[in-house]
Amino acid sequence: MYRHHHWQDEDSEDKTAERQTGGLVGLAVVLLLLVGGLFLVQQLRTASIVEDCLLSGRTNCDALVSQPH
C-alpha cells in the first residue's frame, strides 16, 4: 500500500511539472507576441508618418524618420 501511494506522488509531481512547463511556454509565447506587436506598431507608425509627409508634397521626409518620437 505504501508503494502505491509513493507512485501516485511521483505521477502528481510529474503532472505538476508538466503544467508549470506548459504555463511557462504559454507565457513566453504571449510575451513574444506582445514584443512583436509593439515592434510592428512602431514600424507602421513610422511608415504612416513618412507616407503622410510624402502625400503632403514635401521632399525632406527622411528627416522625420531620423527624429526620435
C-alpha atoms as a PDB file:
ATOM      1  CA  MET A   1       0.000   0.000   0.000  1.00  0.00           C
ATOM      2  CA  TYR A   2       2.846   2.389   0.762  1.00  0.00           C
ATOM      3  CA  ARG A   3       4.472   1.782  -2.620  1.00  0.00           C
ATOM      4  CA  HIS A   4       1.227   2.519  -4.466  1.00  0.00           C
ATOM      5  CA  HIS A   5       0.894   5.825  -2.650  1.00  0.00           C
ATOM      6  CA  HIS A   6       4.521   6.609  -3.454  1.00  0.00           C
ATOM      7  CA  TRP A   7       3.915   6.150  -7.186  1.00  0.00           C
ATOM      8  CA  GLN A   8       0.891   8.409  -7.061  1.00  0.00           C
ATOM      9  CA  ASP A   9       3.024  11.174  -5.577  1.00  0.00           C
ATOM     10  CA  GLU A  10       5.557  10.900  -8.404  1.00  0.00           C
ATOM     11  CA  ASP A  11       2.788  10.977 -11.001  1.00  0.00           C
ATOM     12  CA  SER A  12       1.225  14.052  -9.467  1.00  0.00           C
ATOM     13  CA  GLU A  13       4.654  15.730  -9.274  1.00  0.00           C
ATOM     14  CA  ASP A  14       5.211  14.921 -12.959  1.00  0.00           C
ATOM     15  CA  LYS A  15       1.829  16.361 -13.881  1.00  0.00           C
ATOM     16  CA  THR A  16       2.535  19.485 -11.839  1.00  0.00           C
ATOM     17  CA  ALA A  17       5.911  19.903 -13.543  1.00  0.00           C
ATOM     18  CA  GLU A  18       4.273  19.457 -16.960  1.00  0.00           C
ATOM     19  CA  ARG A  19       1.639  22.077 -16.130  1.00  0.00           C
ATOM     20  CA  GLN A  20       4.301  24.502 -14.957  1.00  0.00           C
ATOM     21  CA  THR A  21       6.349  23.912 -18.099  1.00  0.00           C
ATOM     22  CA  GLY A  22       3.275  24.404 -20.253  1.00  0.00           C
ATOM     23  CA  GLY A  23       2.428  27.587 -18.391  1.00  0.00           C
ATOM     24  CA  LEU A  24       5.921  28.969 -18.870  1.00  0.00           C
ATOM     25  CA  VAL A  25       5.846  28.130 -22.570  1.00  0.00           C
ATOM     26  CA  GLY A  26       2.481  29.862 -22.883  1.00  0.00           C
ATOM     27  CA  LEU A  27       3.794  32.922 -21.067  1.00  0.00           C
ATOM     28  CA  ALA A  28       6.855  33.031 -23.324  1.00  0.00           C
ATOM     29  CA  VAL A  29       4.639  32.863 -26.422  1.00  0.00           C
ATOM     30  CA  VAL A  30       2.411  35.675 -25.136  1.00  0.00           C
ATOM     31  CA  LEU A  31       5.436  37.858 -24.340  1.00  0.00           C
ATOM     32  CA  LEU A  32       6.922  37.151 -27.764  1.00  0.00           C
ATOM     33  CA  LEU A  33       3.658  38.122 -29.444  1.00  0.00           C
ATOM     34  CA  LEU A  34       3.470  41.282 -27.331  1.00  0.00           C
ATOM     35  CA  VAL A  35       7.009  42.361 -28.231  1.00  0.00           C
ATOM     36  CA  GLY A  36       6.387  41.550 -31.891  1.00  0.00           C
ATOM     37  CA  GLY A  37       3.136  43.503 -31.838  1.00  0.00           C
ATOM     38  CA  LEU A  38       4.775  46.534 -30.269  1.00  0.00           C
ATOM     39  CA  PHE A  39       7.557  46.430 -32.853  1.00  0.00           C
ATOM     40  CA  LEU A  40       5.010  46.179 -35.654  1.00  0.00           C
ATOM     41  CA  VAL A  41       3.003  49.120 -34.293  1.00  0.00           C
ATOM     42  CA  GLN A  42       6.155  51.236 -34.130  1.00  0.00           C
ATOM     43  CA  GLN A  43       7.118  50.355 -37.705  1.00  0.00           C
ATOM     44  CA  LEU A  44       3.619  51.062 -39.002  1.00  0.00           C
ATOM     45  CA  ARG A  45       3.540  54.388 -37.166  1.00  0.00           C
ATOM     46  CA  THR A  46       6.842  55.432 -38.745  1.00  0.00           C
ATOM     47  CA  ALA A  47       5.635  54.377 -42.194  1.00  0.00           C
ATOM     48  CA  SER A  48       2.411  56.320 -41.671  1.00  0.00           C
ATOM     49  CA  ILE A  49       4.296  59.478 -40.733  1.00  0.00           C
ATOM     50  CA  VAL A  50       6.520  59.215 -43.803  1.00  0.00           C
ATOM     51  CA  GLU A  51       3.544  58.483 -46.053  1.00  0.00           C
ATOM     52  CA  ASP A  52       1.630  61.488 -44.709  1.00  0.00           C
ATOM     53  CA  CYS A  53       4.696  63.642 -45.318  1.00  0.00           C
ATOM     54  CA  LEU A  54       5.119  62.407 -48.885  1.00  0.00           C
ATOM     55  CA  LEU A  55       1.420  62.823 -49.659  1.00  0.00           C
ATOM     56  CA  SER A  56       1.558  66.420 -48.493  1.00  0.00           C
ATOM     57  CA  GLY A  57       4.175  67.106 -51.172  1.00  0.00           C
ATOM     58  CA  ARG A  58       7.265  67.528 -49.019  1.00  0.00           C
ATOM     59  CA  THR A  59      10.650  66.259 -50.150  1.00  0.00           C
ATOM     60  CA  ASN A  60      12.585  66.116 -46.862  1.00  0.00           C
ATOM     61  CA  CYS A  61      10.593  63.294 -45.263  1.00  0.00           C
ATOM     62  CA  ASP A  62      13.706  61.299 -44.395  1.00  0.00           C
ATOM     63  CA  ALA A  63      14.344  63.822 -41.596  1.00  0.00           C
ATOM     64  CA  LEU A  64      11.134  62.653 -39.903  1.00  0.00           C
ATOM     65  CA  VAL A  65      12.393  59.077 -39.692  1.00  0.00           C
ATOM     66  CA  SER A  66      15.663  60.038 -38.005  1.00  0.00           C
ATOM     67  CA  GLN A  67      13.940  62.172 -35.336  1.00  0.00           C
ATOM     68  CA  PRO A  68      13.089  60.428 -32.043  1.00  0.00           C
ATOM     69  CA  HIS A  69       9.354  60.302 -31.326  1.00  0.00           C
END
